[in-house]
Amino acid sequence: MKIKTKEGEKEIMTVANKEMQEEMVGVLNAISIVSKRLANRLLELEEEKEKKGEREDE
């Protein structure tokens, strides 16, 4: 929401807008955590496949 004052336009964050931004921050943090876990699991699977391949070569 914008309010005109003598100094010019000031942008004021409404309570609803602030709550929405806080919720988006929470969602983005959750996505980040899930992405990190997925990357770690994929890395573990890749390492397991490499170890399996080494065993088969012996």
PDB file of N, CA and C in Angstrom:
ATOM      1  N   MET A   1       0.840  -1.159   0.000  1.00  0.00           N
ATOM      2  CA  MET A   1       0.000   0.000   0.000  1.00  0.00           C
ATOM      3  C   MET A   1       0.895   1.235   0.000  1.00  0.00           C
ATOM      4  N   LYS A   2       0.549   2.240  -0.769  1.00  0.00           N
ATOM      5  CA  LYS A   2       1.326   3.467  -0.840  1.00  0.00           C
ATOM      6  C   LYS A   2       0.515   4.611  -0.249  1.00  0.00           C
ATOM      7  N   ILE A   3       1.198   5.444   0.510  1.00  0.00           N
ATOM      8  CA  ILE A   3       0.557   6.615   1.096  1.00  0.00           C
ATOM      9  C   ILE A   3       1.349   7.842   0.666  1.00  0.00           C
ATOM     10  N   LYS A   4       0.631   8.857   0.194  1.00  0.00           N
ATOM     11  CA  LYS A   4       1.304  10.087  -0.210  1.00  0.00           C
ATOM     12  C   LYS A   4       1.452  10.997   1.003  1.00  0.00           C
ATOM     13  N   THR A   5       2.656  11.492   1.186  1.00  0.00           N
ATOM     14  CA  THR A   5       2.928  12.421   2.280  1.00  0.00           C
ATOM     15  C   THR A   5       3.632  13.633   1.707  1.00  0.00           C
ATOM     16  N   LYS A   6       3.937  14.603   2.567  1.00  0.00           N
ATOM     17  CA  LYS A   6       4.635  15.799   2.116  1.00  0.00           C
ATOM     18  C   LYS A   6       6.010  15.448   1.560  1.00  0.00           C
ATOM     19  N   GLU A   7       6.663  14.428   2.114  1.00  0.00           N
ATOM     20  CA  GLU A   7       7.995  14.019   1.673  1.00  0.00           C
ATOM     21  C   GLU A   7       7.957  13.259   0.348  1.00  0.00           C
ATOM     22  N   GLY A   8       6.807  12.856  -0.099  1.00  0.00           N
ATOM     23  CA  GLY A   8       6.670  12.058  -1.310  1.00  0.00           C
ATOM     24  C   GLY A   8       5.935  10.774  -0.990  1.00  0.00           C
ATOM     25  N   GLU A   9       6.099   9.782  -1.858  1.00  0.00           N
ATOM     26  CA  GLU A   9       5.407   8.512  -1.640  1.00  0.00           C
ATOM     27  C   GLU A   9       6.212   7.642  -0.692  1.00  0.00           C
ATOM     28  N   LYS A  10       5.535   7.095   0.270  1.00  0.00           N
ATOM     29  CA  LYS A  10       6.142   6.124   1.177  1.00  0.00           C
ATOM     30  C   LYS A  10       5.416   4.806   0.991  1.00  0.00           C
ATOM     31  N   GLU A  11       6.177   3.761   0.900  1.00  0.00           N
ATOM     32  CA  GLU A  11       5.558   2.438   0.778  1.00  0.00           C
ATOM     33  C   GLU A  11       5.479   1.826   2.163  1.00  0.00           C
ATOM     34  N   ILE A  12       4.304   1.449   2.562  1.00  0.00           N
ATOM     35  CA  ILE A  12       4.084   0.881   3.884  1.00  0.00           C
ATOM     36  C   ILE A  12       3.673  -0.579   3.734  1.00  0.00           C
ATOM     37  N   MET A  13       4.377  -1.438   4.461  1.00  0.00           N
ATOM     38  CA  MET A  13       4.055  -2.855   4.415  1.00  0.00           C
ATOM     39  C   MET A  13       2.874  -3.115   5.351  1.00  0.00           C
ATOM     40  N   THR A  14       1.824  -3.634   4.805  1.00  0.00           N
ATOM     41  CA  THR A  14       0.655  -3.940   5.622  1.00  0.00           C
ATOM     42  C   THR A  14       0.903  -5.216   6.407  1.00  0.00           C
ATOM     43  N   VAL A  15       0.094  -5.431   7.412  1.00  0.00           N
ATOM     44  CA  VAL A  15       0.230  -6.625   8.242  1.00  0.00           C
ATOM     45  C   VAL A  15       0.056  -7.877   7.395  1.00  0.00           C
ATOM     46  N   ALA A  16      -0.929  -7.869   6.516  1.00  0.00           N
ATOM     47  CA  ALA A  16      -1.179  -9.040   5.668  1.00  0.00           C
ATOM     48  C   ALA A  16       0.003  -9.298   4.756  1.00  0.00           C
ATOM     49  N   ASN A  17       0.571  -8.255   4.190  1.00  0.00           N
ATOM     50  CA  ASN A  17       1.721  -8.403   3.302  1.00  0.00           C
ATOM     51  C   ASN A  17       2.907  -8.965   4.076  1.00  0.00           C
ATOM     52  N   LYS A  18       3.126  -8.483   5.291  1.00  0.00           N
ATOM     53  CA  LYS A  18       4.238  -8.972   6.112  1.00  0.00           C
ATOM     54  C   LYS A  18       4.038 -10.447   6.449  1.00  0.00           C
ATOM     55  N   GLU A  19       2.828 -10.826   6.801  1.00  0.00           N
ATOM     56  CA  GLU A  19       2.539 -12.227   7.108  1.00  0.00           C
ATOM     57  C   GLU A  19       2.784 -13.117   5.896  1.00  0.00           C
ATOM     58  N   MET A  20       2.396 -12.633   4.716  1.00  0.00           N
ATOM     59  CA  MET A  20       2.603 -13.412   3.494  1.00  0.00           C
ATOM     60  C   MET A  20       4.105 -13.580   3.236  1.00  0.00           C
ATOM     61  N   GLN A  21       4.866 -12.527   3.443  1.00  0.00           N
ATOM     62  CA  GLN A  21       6.307 -12.616   3.230  1.00  0.00           C
ATOM     63  C   GLN A  21       6.943 -13.581   4.216  1.00  0.00           C
ATOM     64  N   GLU A  22       6.496 -13.554   5.471  1.00  0.00           N
ATOM     65  CA  GLU A  22       7.017 -14.487   6.471  1.00  0.00           C
ATOM     66  C   GLU A  22       6.685 -15.921   6.100  1.00  0.00           C
ATOM     67  N   GLU A  23       5.494 -16.139   5.577  1.00  0.00           N
ATOM     68  CA  GLU A  23       5.109 -17.482   5.149  1.00  0.00           C
ATOM     69  C   GLU A  23       5.964 -17.937   3.974  1.00  0.00           C
ATOM     70  N   MET A  24       6.233 -17.032   3.037  1.00  0.00           N
ATOM     71  CA  MET A  24       7.079 -17.385   1.895  1.00  0.00           C
ATOM     72  C   MET A  24       8.491 -17.738   2.351  1.00  0.00           C
ATOM     73  N   VAL A  25       9.004 -17.009   3.332  1.00  0.00           N
ATOM     74  CA  VAL A  25      10.332 -17.312   3.868  1.00  0.00           C
ATOM     75  C   VAL A  25      10.338 -18.722   4.456  1.00  0.00           C
ATOM     76  N   GLY A  26       9.287 -19.068   5.186  1.00  0.00           N
ATOM     77  CA  GLY A  26       9.185 -20.413   5.759  1.00  0.00           C
ATOM     78  C   GLY A  26       9.131 -21.486   4.686  1.00  0.00           C
ATOM     79  N   VAL A  27       8.369 -21.239   3.643  1.00  0.00           N
ATOM     80  CA  VAL A  27       8.250 -22.211   2.546  1.00  0.00           C
ATOM     81  C   VAL A  27       9.600 -22.378   1.841  1.00  0.00           C
ATOM     82  N   LEU A  28      10.278 -21.268   1.579  1.00  0.00           N
ATOM     83  CA  LEU A  28      11.577 -21.342   0.912  1.00  0.00           C
ATOM     84  C   LEU A  28      12.606 -22.056   1.776  1.00  0.00           C
ATOM     85  N   ASN A  29      12.557 -21.844   3.084  1.00  0.00           N
ATOM     86  CA  ASN A  29      13.456 -22.572   3.981  1.00  0.00           C
ATOM     87  C   ASN A  29      13.173 -24.069   3.936  1.00  0.00           C
ATOM     88  N   ALA A  30      11.902 -24.429   3.920  1.00  0.00           N
ATOM     89  CA  ALA A  30      11.528 -25.844   3.855  1.00  0.00           C
ATOM     90  C   ALA A  30      12.011 -26.465   2.543  1.00  0.00           C
ATOM     91  N   ILE A  31      11.854 -25.753   1.443  1.00  0.00           N
ATOM     92  CA  ILE A  31      12.330 -26.247   0.146  1.00  0.00           C
ATOM     93  C   ILE A  31      13.835 -26.445   0.189  1.00  0.00           C
ATOM     94  N   SER A  32      14.538 -25.514   0.805  1.00  0.00           N
ATOM     95  CA  SER A  32      15.988 -25.609   0.912  1.00  0.00           C
ATOM     96  C   SER A  32      16.408 -26.844   1.707  1.00  0.00           C
ATOM     97  N   ILE A  33      15.723 -27.094   2.810  1.00  0.00           N
ATOM     98  CA  ILE A  33      16.039 -28.260   3.648  1.00  0.00           C
ATOM     99  C   ILE A  33      15.786 -29.551   2.886  1.00  0.00           C
ATOM    100  N   VAL A  34      14.655 -29.631   2.206  1.00  0.00           N
ATOM    101  CA  VAL A  34      14.320 -30.839   1.439  1.00  0.00           C
ATOM    102  C   VAL A  34      15.329 -31.042   0.307  1.00  0.00           C
ATOM    103  N   SER A  35      15.724 -29.964  -0.356  1.00  0.00           N
ATOM    104  CA  SER A  35      16.693 -30.057  -1.446  1.00  0.00           C
ATOM    105  C   SER A  35      18.027 -30.586  -0.940  1.00  0.00           C
ATOM    106  N   LYS A  36      18.447 -30.096   0.215  1.00  0.00           N
ATOM    107  CA  LYS A  36      19.718 -30.550   0.791  1.00  0.00           C
ATOM    108  C   LYS A  36      19.655 -32.038   1.137  1.00  0.00           C
ATOM    109  N   ARG A  37      18.547 -32.453   1.740  1.00  0.00           N
ATOM    110  CA  ARG A  37      18.395 -33.875   2.087  1.00  0.00           C
ATOM    111  C   ARG A  37      18.402 -34.747   0.835  1.00  0.00           C
ATOM    112  N   LEU A  38      17.701 -34.299  -0.200  1.00  0.00           N
ATOM    113  CA  LEU A  38      17.657 -35.052  -1.450  1.00  0.00           C
ATOM    114  C   LEU A  38      19.047 -35.161  -2.065  1.00  0.00           C
ATOM    115  N   ALA A  39      19.786 -34.062  -2.064  1.00  0.00           N
ATOM    116  CA  ALA A  39      21.144 -34.078  -2.611  1.00  0.00           C
ATOM    117  C   ALA A  39      22.029 -35.050  -1.830  1.00  0.00           C
ATOM    118  N   ASN A  40      21.895 -35.050  -0.518  1.00  0.00           N
ATOM    119  CA  ASN A  40      22.687 -35.986   0.298  1.00  0.00           C
ATOM    120  C   ASN A  40      22.320 -37.437   0.011  1.00  0.00           C
ATOM    121  N   ARG A  41      21.038 -37.715  -0.151  1.00  0.00           N
ATOM    122  CA  ARG A  41      20.608 -39.089  -0.459  1.00  0.00           C
ATOM    123  C   ARG A  41      21.109 -39.529  -1.832  1.00  0.00           C
ATOM    124  N   LEU A  42      21.055 -38.625  -2.808  1.00  0.00           N
ATOM    125  CA  LEU A  42      21.558 -38.963  -4.138  1.00  0.00           C
ATOM    126  C   LEU A  42      23.058 -39.236  -4.097  1.00  0.00           C
ATOM    127  N   LEU A  43      23.785 -38.450  -3.305  1.00  0.00           N
ATOM    128  CA  LEU A  43      25.223 -38.659  -3.155  1.00  0.00           C
ATOM    129  C   LEU A  43      25.503 -40.015  -2.516  1.00  0.00           C
ATOM    130  N   GLU A  44      24.739 -40.360  -1.489  1.00  0.00           N
ATOM    131  CA  GLU A  44      24.901 -41.660  -0.840  1.00  0.00           C
ATOM    132  C   GLU A  44      24.631 -42.803  -1.815  1.00  0.00           C
ATOM    133  N   LEU A  45      23.585 -42.681  -2.615  1.00  0.00           N
ATOM    134  CA  LEU A  45      23.271 -43.727  -3.601  1.00  0.00           C
ATOM    135  C   LEU A  45      24.398 -43.877  -4.616  1.00  0.00           C
ATOM    136  N   GLU A  46      24.952 -42.752  -5.059  1.00  0.00           N
ATOM    137  CA  GLU A  46      26.041 -42.791  -6.021  1.00  0.00           C
ATOM    138  C   GLU A  46      27.268 -43.472  -5.420  1.00  0.00           C
ATOM    139  N   GLU A  47      27.557 -43.156  -4.155  1.00  0.00           N
ATOM    140  CA  GLU A  47      28.705 -43.785  -3.493  1.00  0.00           C
ATOM    141  C   GLU A  47      28.490 -45.283  -3.324  1.00  0.00           C
ATOM    142  N   GLU A  48      27.237 -45.686  -3.008  1.00  0.00           N
ATOM    143  CA  GLU A  48      26.934 -47.113  -2.875  1.00  0.00           C
ATOM    144  C   GLU A  48      27.133 -47.834  -4.207  1.00  0.00           C
ATOM    145  N   LYS A  49      26.690 -47.211  -5.299  1.00  0.00           N
ATOM    146  CA  LYS A  49      26.858 -47.824  -6.621  1.00  0.00           C
ATOM    147  C   LYS A  49      28.333 -47.977  -6.957  1.00  0.00           C
ATOM    148  N   GLU A  50      29.135 -46.970  -6.619  1.00  0.00           N
ATOM    149  CA  GLU A  50      30.573 -47.047  -6.888  1.00  0.00           C
ATOM    150  C   GLU A  50      31.208 -48.173  -6.090  1.00  0.00           C
ATOM    151  N   LYS A  51      30.821 -48.330  -4.830  1.00  0.00           N
ATOM    152  CA  LYS A  51      31.370 -49.400  -3.989  1.00  0.00           C
ATOM    153  C   LYS A  51      30.952 -50.759  -4.533  1.00  0.00           C
ATOM    154  N   LYS A  52      29.710 -50.862  -4.994  1.00  0.00           N
ATOM    155  CA  LYS A  52      29.229 -52.113  -5.575  1.00  0.00           C
ATOM    156  C   LYS A  52      30.028 -52.460  -6.825  1.00  0.00           C
ATOM    157  N   GLY A  53      30.282 -51.454  -7.639  1.00  0.00           N
ATOM    158  CA  GLY A  53      31.060 -51.668  -8.869  1.00  0.00           C
ATOM    159  C   GLY A  53      32.477 -52.116  -8.558  1.00  0.00           C
ATOM    160  N   GLU A  54      33.080 -51.581  -7.518  1.00  0.00           N
ATOM    161  CA  GLU A  54      34.426 -51.984  -7.121  1.00  0.00           C
ATOM    162  C   GLU A  54      34.435 -53.431  -6.668  1.00  0.00           C
ATOM    163  N   ARG A  55      33.410 -53.845  -5.943  1.00  0.00           N
ATOM    164  CA  ARG A  55      33.333 -55.229  -5.461  1.00  0.00           C
ATOM    165  C   ARG A  55      33.177 -56.202  -6.616  1.00  0.00           C
ATOM    166  N   GLU A  56      32.420 -55.829  -7.620  1.00  0.00           N
ATOM    167  CA  GLU A  56      32.191 -56.701  -8.771  1.00  0.00           C
ATOM    168  C   GLU A  56      33.456 -56.841  -9.602  1.00  0.00           C
ATOM    169  N   ASP A  57      34.286 -55.795  -9.614  1.00  0.00           N
ATOM    170  CA  ASP A  57      35.534 -55.838 -10.381  1.00  0.00           C
ATOM    171  C   ASP A  57      36.554 -56.768  -9.758  1.00  0.00           C
ATOM    172  N   GLU A  58      36.469 -56.990  -8.450  1.00  0.00           N
ATOM    173  CA  GLU A  58      37.459 -57.836  -7.770  1.00  0.00           C
ATOM    174  C   GLU A  58      37.249 -59.283  -8.032  1.00  0.00           C
TER     175      GLU A  58
END
